[in-house]
């Protein structure tokens, strides 16, 4: 969307809120921004996990050449 369009959208939203009486200009003198980030339960593939998956896939191709011993 781009920064310019987002700024225009925000300005129009605030102008509409003021025009309709939903907000007063004094309401915009201080802004509180909540930057809380919620962690997601995403398992990122690590090199060890990728190697274990390759070794578990069987004795063919690249997996057979790179795996020295099975990971238990």
C-alpha atoms as a PDB file:
ATOM      1  CA  UNK A   1       0.000   0.000   0.000  1.00  0.00           C
ATOM      2  CA  UNK A   2       2.874   2.358   0.675  1.00  0.00           C
ATOM      3  CA  UNK A   3       3.630   4.913   3.348  1.00  0.00           C
ATOM      4  CA  UNK A   4       1.956   7.831   1.566  1.00  0.00           C
ATOM      5  CA  UNK A   5      -1.346   6.002   1.186  1.00  0.00           C
ATOM      6  CA  UNK A   6      -1.276   4.799   4.799  1.00  0.00           C
ATOM      7  CA  UNK A   7      -0.664   8.357   6.025  1.00  0.00           C
ATOM      8  CA  UNK A   8      -3.542   9.615   3.878  1.00  0.00           C
ATOM      9  CA  UNK A   9      -5.815   6.867   5.215  1.00  0.00           C
ATOM     10  CA  UNK A  10      -4.908   7.680   8.818  1.00  0.00           C
ATOM     11  CA  UNK A  11      -5.419  11.417   8.272  1.00  0.00           C
ATOM     12  CA  UNK A  12      -8.818  10.849   6.699  1.00  0.00           C
ATOM     13  CA  UNK A  13      -9.829   8.467   9.504  1.00  0.00           C
ATOM     14  CA  UNK A  14      -8.887  11.029  12.157  1.00  0.00           C
ATOM     15  CA  UNK A  15     -10.611  13.847  10.262  1.00  0.00           C
ATOM     16  CA  UNK A  16     -13.794  11.776   9.976  1.00  0.00           C
ATOM     17  CA  UNK A  17     -13.690  10.928  13.689  1.00  0.00           C
ATOM     18  CA  UNK A  18     -13.344  14.639  14.508  1.00  0.00           C
ATOM     19  CA  UNK A  19     -16.024  15.701  12.017  1.00  0.00           C
ATOM     20  CA  UNK A  20     -18.579  13.184  13.314  1.00  0.00           C
ATOM     21  CA  UNK A  21     -17.872  13.975  16.962  1.00  0.00           C
ATOM     22  CA  UNK A  22     -16.446  10.535  17.755  1.00  0.00           C
ATOM     23  CA  UNK A  23     -13.197  12.229  18.827  1.00  0.00           C
ATOM     24  CA  UNK A  24     -11.988  15.689  19.772  1.00  0.00           C
ATOM     25  CA  UNK A  25      -8.743  17.246  18.498  1.00  0.00           C
ATOM     26  CA  UNK A  26      -7.461  17.161  22.094  1.00  0.00           C
ATOM     27  CA  UNK A  27      -7.755  13.359  21.942  1.00  0.00           C
ATOM     28  CA  UNK A  28      -4.888  13.310  19.453  1.00  0.00           C
ATOM     29  CA  UNK A  29      -2.299  15.148  21.544  1.00  0.00           C
ATOM     30  CA  UNK A  30      -0.979  11.929  23.062  1.00  0.00           C
ATOM     31  CA  UNK A  31      -0.705   8.555  21.379  1.00  0.00           C
ATOM     32  CA  UNK A  32      -0.200   5.257  23.174  1.00  0.00           C
ATOM     33  CA  UNK A  33       1.231   2.507  21.004  1.00  0.00           C
ATOM     34  CA  UNK A  34       1.007  -1.107  22.124  1.00  0.00           C
ATOM     35  CA  UNK A  35       3.949  -3.003  20.666  1.00  0.00           C
ATOM     36  CA  UNK A  36       3.268  -6.277  22.473  1.00  0.00           C
ATOM     37  CA  UNK A  37       4.323  -9.255  20.400  1.00  0.00           C
ATOM     38  CA  UNK A  38       2.823 -12.659  21.024  1.00  0.00           C
ATOM     39  CA  UNK A  39       5.186 -15.580  20.401  1.00  0.00           C
ATOM     40  CA  UNK A  40       4.059 -18.207  17.935  1.00  0.00           C
ATOM     41  CA  UNK A  41       4.649 -21.915  18.376  1.00  0.00           C
ATOM     42  CA  UNK A  42       6.627 -22.279  15.162  1.00  0.00           C
ATOM     43  CA  UNK A  43       9.446 -24.783  15.053  1.00  0.00           C
ATOM     44  CA  UNK A  44      12.095 -23.488  12.710  1.00  0.00           C
ATOM     45  CA  UNK A  45      14.133 -26.176  10.973  1.00  0.00           C
ATOM     46  CA  UNK A  46      17.626 -26.314  12.385  1.00  0.00           C
ATOM     47  CA  UNK A  47      20.550 -27.992  10.681  1.00  0.00           C
ATOM     48  CA  UNK A  48      20.345 -30.895  13.131  1.00  0.00           C
ATOM     49  CA  UNK A  49      16.645 -31.424  12.412  1.00  0.00           C
ATOM     50  CA  UNK A  50      17.207 -31.285   8.672  1.00  0.00           C
ATOM     51  CA  UNK A  51      20.084 -33.771   8.898  1.00  0.00           C
ATOM     52  CA  UNK A  52      18.024 -36.124  11.067  1.00  0.00           C
ATOM     53  CA  UNK A  53      15.163 -35.954   8.573  1.00  0.00           C
ATOM     54  CA  UNK A  54      17.539 -36.699   5.681  1.00  0.00           C
ATOM     55  CA  UNK A  55      19.016 -39.670   7.551  1.00  0.00           C
ATOM     56  CA  UNK A  56      15.559 -40.997   8.387  1.00  0.00           C
ATOM     57  CA  UNK A  57      14.443 -40.776   4.769  1.00  0.00           C
ATOM     58  CA  UNK A  58      16.437 -43.853   3.829  1.00  0.00           C
ATOM     59  CA  UNK A  59      19.758 -44.950   2.382  1.00  0.00           C
ATOM     60  CA  UNK A  60      19.343 -43.316  -1.008  1.00  0.00           C
ATOM     61  CA  UNK A  61      20.986 -40.368  -2.685  1.00  0.00           C
ATOM     62  CA  UNK A  62      22.366 -37.499  -0.613  1.00  0.00           C
ATOM     63  CA  UNK A  63      21.134 -38.928   2.697  1.00  0.00           C
ATOM     64  CA  UNK A  64      23.344 -42.018   2.320  1.00  0.00           C
ATOM     65  CA  UNK A  65      26.438 -39.888   1.643  1.00  0.00           C
ATOM     66  CA  UNK A  66      26.013 -37.435   4.514  1.00  0.00           C
ATOM     67  CA  UNK A  67      24.847 -39.617   7.420  1.00  0.00           C
ATOM     68  CA  UNK A  68      27.552 -41.322   9.411  1.00  0.00           C
ATOM     69  CA  UNK A  69      25.402 -42.979  12.071  1.00  0.00           C
ATOM     70  CA  UNK A  70      21.710 -42.943  12.914  1.00  0.00           C
ATOM     71  CA  UNK A  71      20.634 -40.339  15.421  1.00  0.00           C
ATOM     72  CA  UNK A  72      18.854 -41.921  18.396  1.00  0.00           C
END
